[in-house]
C-alpha atoms as a PDB file:
ATOM      1  CA  MET A   1      -0.096  -0.006  -0.042  1.00  0.00           C
ATOM      2  CA  PRO A   2       2.048   2.963  -1.097  1.00  0.00           C
ATOM      3  CA  VAL A   3       1.735   5.991   0.973  1.00  0.00           C
ATOM      4  CA  ALA A   4       2.427   9.691   0.386  1.00  0.00           C
ATOM      5  CA  VAL A   5       2.556  12.616   2.619  1.00  0.00           C
ATOM      6  CA  VAL A   6       1.191  15.782   1.085  1.00  0.00           C
ATOM      7  CA  ILE A   7       1.646  19.263   2.475  1.00  0.00           C
ATOM      8  CA  PRO A   8      -0.539  22.218   1.023  1.00  0.00           C
ATOM      9  CA  GLY A   9       1.485  25.374   1.406  1.00  0.00           C
ATOM     10  CA  HIS A  10       0.793  28.730   3.223  1.00  0.00           C
ATOM     11  CA  ALA A  11       2.668  31.875   2.665  1.00  0.00           C
ATOM     12  CA  ALA A  12       2.493  35.576   3.021  1.00  0.00           C
ATOM     13  CA  TYR A  13       4.418  38.715   2.039  1.00  0.00           C
ATOM     14  CA  ALA A  14       7.135  39.384   4.548  1.00  0.00           C
ATOM     15  CA  GLY A  15       8.127  42.748   5.897  1.00  0.00           C
ATOM     16  CA  ASP A  16      10.643  43.087   3.019  1.00  0.00           C
ATOM     17  CA  GLY A  17       7.900  42.435   0.290  1.00  0.00           C
ATOM     18  CA  VAL A  18       9.110  38.955  -0.628  1.00  0.00           C
ATOM     19  CA  TYR A  19       6.496  36.073  -0.736  1.00  0.00           C
ATOM     20  CA  ARG A  20       7.749  33.455   1.732  1.00  0.00           C
ATOM     21  CA  ILE A  21       6.304  30.471   3.373  1.00  0.00           C
ATOM     22  CA  SER A  22       4.864  31.175   6.775  1.00  0.00           C
ATOM     23  CA  ALA A  23       6.012  29.922  10.157  1.00  0.00           C
ATOM     24  CA  ARG A  24       2.942  27.752  10.288  1.00  0.00           C
ATOM     25  CA  CYS A  25       3.890  26.384   6.907  1.00  0.00           C
ATOM     26  CA  ARG A  26       7.470  25.486   8.173  1.00  0.00           C
ATOM     27  CA  GLN A  27       5.732  23.890  11.249  1.00  0.00           C
ATOM     28  CA  LEU A  28       3.702  21.727   8.738  1.00  0.00           C
ATOM     29  CA  VAL A  29       7.044  20.703   7.045  1.00  0.00           C
ATOM     30  CA  ALA A  30       8.634  19.863  10.408  1.00  0.00           C
ATOM     31  CA  GLU A  31       5.521  17.756  11.222  1.00  0.00           C
ATOM     32  CA  ALA A  32       5.819  15.949   7.798  1.00  0.00           C
ATOM     33  CA  GLU A  33       9.394  15.138   8.498  1.00  0.00           C
ATOM     34  CA  LYS A  34       8.476  13.597  11.731  1.00  0.00           C
ATOM     35  CA  LEU A  35       5.755  11.514  10.119  1.00  0.00           C
ATOM     36  CA  ALA A  36       8.022  10.647   7.128  1.00  0.00           C
ATOM     37  CA  ALA A  37      10.599   9.261   9.649  1.00  0.00           C
ATOM     38  CA  THR A  38       7.982   6.721  10.815  1.00  0.00           C
ATOM     39  CA  LEU A  39       5.909   6.155   7.690  1.00  0.00           C
ATOM     40  CA  SER A  40       8.571   5.898   4.997  1.00  0.00           C
ATOM     41  CA  PRO A  41       6.245   7.375   2.357  1.00  0.00           C
ATOM     42  CA  ALA A  42       6.772   6.655  -1.365  1.00  0.00           C
ATOM     43  CA  ALA A  43       6.623  10.442  -1.986  1.00  0.00           C
ATOM     44  CA  VAL A  44       6.453  13.660  -0.162  1.00  0.00           C
ATOM     45  CA  VAL A  45       4.297  16.176  -2.212  1.00  0.00           C
ATOM     46  CA  PHE A  46       4.598  19.984  -1.585  1.00  0.00           C
ATOM     47  CA  SER A  47       1.852  22.046  -3.166  1.00  0.00           C
ATOM     48  CA  GLY A  48       1.546  25.736  -3.540  1.00  0.00           C
ATOM     49  CA  GLY A  49       2.155  28.346  -6.008  1.00  0.00           C
ATOM     50  CA  SER A  50       3.775  31.901  -6.072  1.00  0.00           C
ATOM     51  CA  ARG A  51       1.789  35.156  -6.048  1.00  0.00           C
ATOM     52  CA  ASP A  52       4.726  37.237  -7.227  1.00  0.00           C
ATOM     53  CA  GLY A  53       6.734  35.172  -9.721  1.00  0.00           C
ATOM     54  CA  GLY A  54       9.312  34.153  -7.073  1.00  0.00           C
ATOM     55  CA  PRO A  55       9.896  30.727  -5.629  1.00  0.00           C
ATOM     56  CA  SER A  56       6.627  28.862  -5.177  1.00  0.00           C
ATOM     57  CA  GLU A  57       5.327  27.770  -1.852  1.00  0.00           C
ATOM     58  CA  ALA A  58       6.127  24.235  -2.893  1.00  0.00           C
ATOM     59  CA  GLU A  59       9.727  24.986  -3.771  1.00  0.00           C
ATOM     60  CA  GLN A  60      10.337  26.769  -0.722  1.00  0.00           C
ATOM     61  CA  MET A  61       8.900  23.809   1.374  1.00  0.00           C
ATOM     62  CA  ARG A  62      11.130  21.459  -0.467  1.00  0.00           C
ATOM     63  CA  ASP A  63      14.098  23.638   0.121  1.00  0.00           C
ATOM     64  CA  ALA A  64      13.114  23.530   3.915  1.00  0.00           C
ATOM     65  CA  TRP A  65      12.934  19.896   3.997  1.00  0.00           C
ATOM     66  CA  ARG A  66      15.236  18.204   6.393  1.00  0.00           C
ATOM     67  CA  GLY A  67      13.424  14.730   6.643  1.00  0.00           C
ATOM     68  CA  PRO A  68      14.499  11.390   5.534  1.00  0.00           C
ATOM     69  CA  PRO A  69      15.213  10.846   1.818  1.00  0.00           C
ATOM     70  CA  ALA A  70      12.032  10.430  -0.150  1.00  0.00           C
ATOM     71  CA  ASP A  71      10.774  11.260  -3.669  1.00  0.00           C
ATOM     72  CA  LEU A  72      10.188  14.942  -3.056  1.00  0.00           C
ATOM     73  CA  VAL A  73       7.565  16.159  -5.624  1.00  0.00           C
ATOM     74  CA  VAL A  74       6.827  19.731  -6.195  1.00  0.00           C
ATOM     75  CA  GLU A  75       3.441  21.080  -7.507  1.00  0.00           C
ATOM     76  CA  PRO A  76       4.136  24.804  -7.846  1.00  0.00           C
ATOM     77  CA  THR A  77       0.827  26.094  -9.367  1.00  0.00           C
ATOM     78  CA  ALA A  78      -1.906  25.672  -6.786  1.00  0.00           C
ATOM     79  CA  LEU A  79      -3.186  28.878  -5.116  1.00  0.00           C
ATOM     80  CA  THR A  80      -6.156  27.434  -3.250  1.00  0.00           C
ATOM     81  CA  THR A  81      -6.952  24.387  -1.166  1.00  0.00           C
ATOM     82  CA  ALA A  82      -9.167  23.086  -3.868  1.00  0.00           C
ATOM     83  CA  GLU A  83      -6.231  23.526  -6.368  1.00  0.00           C
ATOM     84  CA  ASN A  84      -3.830  21.847  -3.912  1.00  0.00           C
ATOM     85  CA  ALA A  85      -5.999  18.718  -3.977  1.00  0.00           C
ATOM     86  CA  ALA A  86      -6.808  18.675  -7.599  1.00  0.00           C
ATOM     87  CA  ARG A  87      -3.237  19.325  -8.798  1.00  0.00           C
ATOM     88  CA  THR A  88      -1.561  16.810  -6.448  1.00  0.00           C
ATOM     89  CA  LEU A  89      -3.950  13.817  -7.088  1.00  0.00           C
ATOM     90  CA  PRO A  90      -2.476  13.135 -10.616  1.00  0.00           C
ATOM     91  CA  LEU A  91       0.925  13.137  -9.219  1.00  0.00           C
ATOM     92  CA  LEU A  92      -0.172  10.562  -6.708  1.00  0.00           C
ATOM     93  CA  LEU A  93      -2.054   8.346  -9.285  1.00  0.00           C
ATOM     94  CA  ASP A  94       0.879   8.515 -11.600  1.00  0.00           C
ATOM     95  CA  ARG A  95       3.195   6.974  -8.779  1.00  0.00           C
ATOM     96  CA  GLY A  96       0.495   4.233  -7.906  1.00  0.00           C
ATOM     97  CA  ILE A  97      -0.129   5.770  -4.538  1.00  0.00           C
ATOM     98  CA  ASP A  98      -3.369   4.812  -2.784  1.00  0.00           C
ATOM     99  CA  THR A  99      -3.117   6.397   0.634  1.00  0.00           C
ATOM    100  CA  ALA A 100      -2.313  10.014   1.315  1.00  0.00           C
ATOM    101  CA  VAL A 101      -1.648  11.649   4.632  1.00  0.00           C
ATOM    102  CA  ILE A 102      -2.477  15.376   4.441  1.00  0.00           C
ATOM    103  CA  VAL A 103      -0.478  17.583   6.833  1.00  0.00           C
ATOM    104  CA  CYS A 104      -2.379  20.667   7.707  1.00  0.00           C
ATOM    105  CA  ALA A 105      -3.079  23.234  10.438  1.00  0.00           C
ATOM    106  CA  LEU A 106      -6.064  22.642  12.660  1.00  0.00           C
ATOM    107  CA  PRO A 107      -8.065  25.796  11.464  1.00  0.00           C
ATOM    108  CA  HIS A 108      -7.519  24.314   7.743  1.00  0.00           C
ATOM    109  CA  LEU A 109      -8.723  20.952   8.633  1.00  0.00           C
ATOM    110  CA  PRO A 110     -12.418  21.199   7.730  1.00  0.00           C
ATOM    111  CA  ARG A 111     -11.714  22.659   4.224  1.00  0.00           C
ATOM    112  CA  ALA A 112      -8.821  20.104   3.661  1.00  0.00           C
ATOM    113  CA  ARG A 113     -11.148  17.243   4.511  1.00  0.00           C
ATOM    114  CA  ILE A 114     -13.770  18.652   2.137  1.00  0.00           C
ATOM    115  CA  PHE A 115     -11.358  18.937  -0.809  1.00  0.00           C
ATOM    116  CA  PHE A 116      -8.779  16.286  -0.370  1.00  0.00           C
ATOM    117  CA  GLY A 117     -11.366  13.736   1.037  1.00  0.00           C
ATOM    118  CA  ARG A 118     -13.867  14.076  -1.719  1.00  0.00           C
ATOM    119  CA  LEU A 119     -11.567  14.525  -4.717  1.00  0.00           C
ATOM    120  CA  TYR A 120      -8.988  11.826  -3.685  1.00  0.00           C
ATOM    121  CA  GLY A 121     -11.702   9.539  -2.566  1.00  0.00           C
ATOM    122  CA  ALA A 122     -13.628   9.793  -5.817  1.00  0.00           C
ATOM    123  CA  ARG A 123     -10.443   8.427  -7.504  1.00  0.00           C
ATOM    124  CA  GLY A 124      -9.702   5.771  -5.010  1.00  0.00           C
ATOM    125  CA  VAL A 125      -7.035   7.344  -2.922  1.00  0.00           C
ATOM    126  CA  GLU A 126      -7.675   6.917   1.026  1.00  0.00           C
ATOM    127  CA  THR A 127      -7.019  10.106   2.680  1.00  0.00           C
ATOM    128  CA  ARG A 128      -5.887  10.623   6.235  1.00  0.00           C
ATOM    129  CA  PHE A 129      -5.022  13.890   8.055  1.00  0.00           C
ATOM    130  CA  ARG A 130      -2.174  14.880  10.435  1.00  0.00           C
ATOM    131  CA  VAL A 131      -2.347  18.115  12.535  1.00  0.00           C
ATOM    132  CA  PRO A 132       0.641  19.386  14.444  1.00  0.00           C
ATOM    133  CA  ARG A 133       0.087  20.489  17.957  1.00  0.00           C
ATOM    134  CA  ALA A 134      -0.275  24.250  17.972  1.00  0.00           C
ATOM    135  CA  VAL A 135      -2.482  26.953  19.247  1.00  0.00           C
ATOM    136  CA  PRO A 136      -4.260  28.367  16.205  1.00  0.00           C
ATOM    137  CA  ALA A 137      -4.062  31.911  15.465  1.00  0.00           C
ATOM    138  CA  LEU A 138      -7.466  33.944  15.635  1.00  0.00           C
ATOM    139  CA  SER A 139      -6.589  35.258  12.121  1.00  0.00           C
ATOM    140  CA  ALA A 140      -6.348  31.690  10.904  1.00  0.00           C
ATOM    141  CA  ILE A 141      -9.719  30.638  12.261  1.00  0.00           C
ATOM    142  CA  GLY A 142     -11.255  33.850  10.795  1.00  0.00           C
ATOM    143  CA  TRP A 143      -9.733  33.224   7.358  1.00  0.00           C
ATOM    144  CA  GLU A 144     -11.111  29.574   7.341  1.00  0.00           C
ATOM    145  CA  LEU A 145     -14.422  30.671   8.544  1.00  0.00           C
ATOM    146  CA  ALA A 146     -14.652  33.261   5.805  1.00  0.00           C
ATOM    147  CA  ALA A 147     -13.498  30.706   3.160  1.00  0.00           C
ATOM    148  CA  LEU A 148     -16.119  28.014   4.019  1.00  0.00           C
ATOM    149  CA  PRO A 149     -18.850  29.612   1.791  1.00  0.00           C
ATOM    150  CA  LEU A 150     -16.619  29.339  -1.180  1.00  0.00           C
ATOM    151  CA  CYS A 151     -16.148  25.561  -0.857  1.00  0.00           C
ATOM    152  CA  PRO A 152     -19.040  24.370  -2.993  1.00  0.00           C
ATOM    153  CA  TRP A 153     -17.932  26.673  -6.084  1.00  0.00           C
ATOM    154  CA  GLN A 154     -14.251  25.619  -5.504  1.00  0.00           C
ATOM    155  CA  LEU A 155     -15.049  22.031  -5.297  1.00  0.00           C
ATOM    156  CA  ARG A 156     -16.922  22.174  -8.560  1.00  0.00           C
ATOM    157  CA  ALA A 157     -14.164  23.943 -10.263  1.00  0.00           C
ATOM    158  CA  ALA A 158     -11.622  21.365  -8.990  1.00  0.00           C
ATOM    159  CA  ARG A 159     -13.733  18.367 -10.245  1.00  0.00           C
ATOM    160  CA  ALA A 160     -14.062  20.095 -13.560  1.00  0.00           C
ATOM    161  CA  GLU A 161     -10.194  20.574 -13.748  1.00  0.00           C
ATOM    162  CA  LEU A 162      -9.715  16.911 -12.911  1.00  0.00           C
ATOM    163  CA  ASP A 163     -12.316  15.835 -15.486  1.00  0.00           C
ATOM    164  CA  ARG A 164     -10.459  18.018 -18.121  1.00  0.00           C
ATOM    165  CA  ARG A 165      -7.220  16.258 -17.459  1.00  0.00           C
ATOM    166  CA  ALA A 166      -8.828  12.901 -17.609  1.00  0.00           C
ATOM    167  CA  SER A 167     -10.281  13.272 -21.098  1.00  0.00           C
END
């Protein structure tokens, strides 16, 4: 049963104006490193684009990786959680992976479950979730609550993207 660890990115503009992965995202990478040490995944997939043409979130996460050797896969285009799920799924299927552990922050878990659970599940990939222990920021909770109403529209768009790729 080939397993992959998938980390959706999170970044923001730093004080110097550079788009960088956040401290929360670095924490997700560290959690994925611990998980990979015990799970021995077939692949570790980093997903996230760039909003300014610089290094993508996925590339920055790969560069931050200090975990065990693995097939480190970069998906550098996704800008939403729905896109993270839709654009990493073909990478898993191409590698024959049938189980994915999504590493995300606690406030992000409900939306991650919606997108990864439904999109991966529809294509036969079992989905599990791993959340690092951390006190969530109120701003992260607010962001996730504000994003929830967009889920149906984003899920339809992600399904349509996958259907286009399949045809």
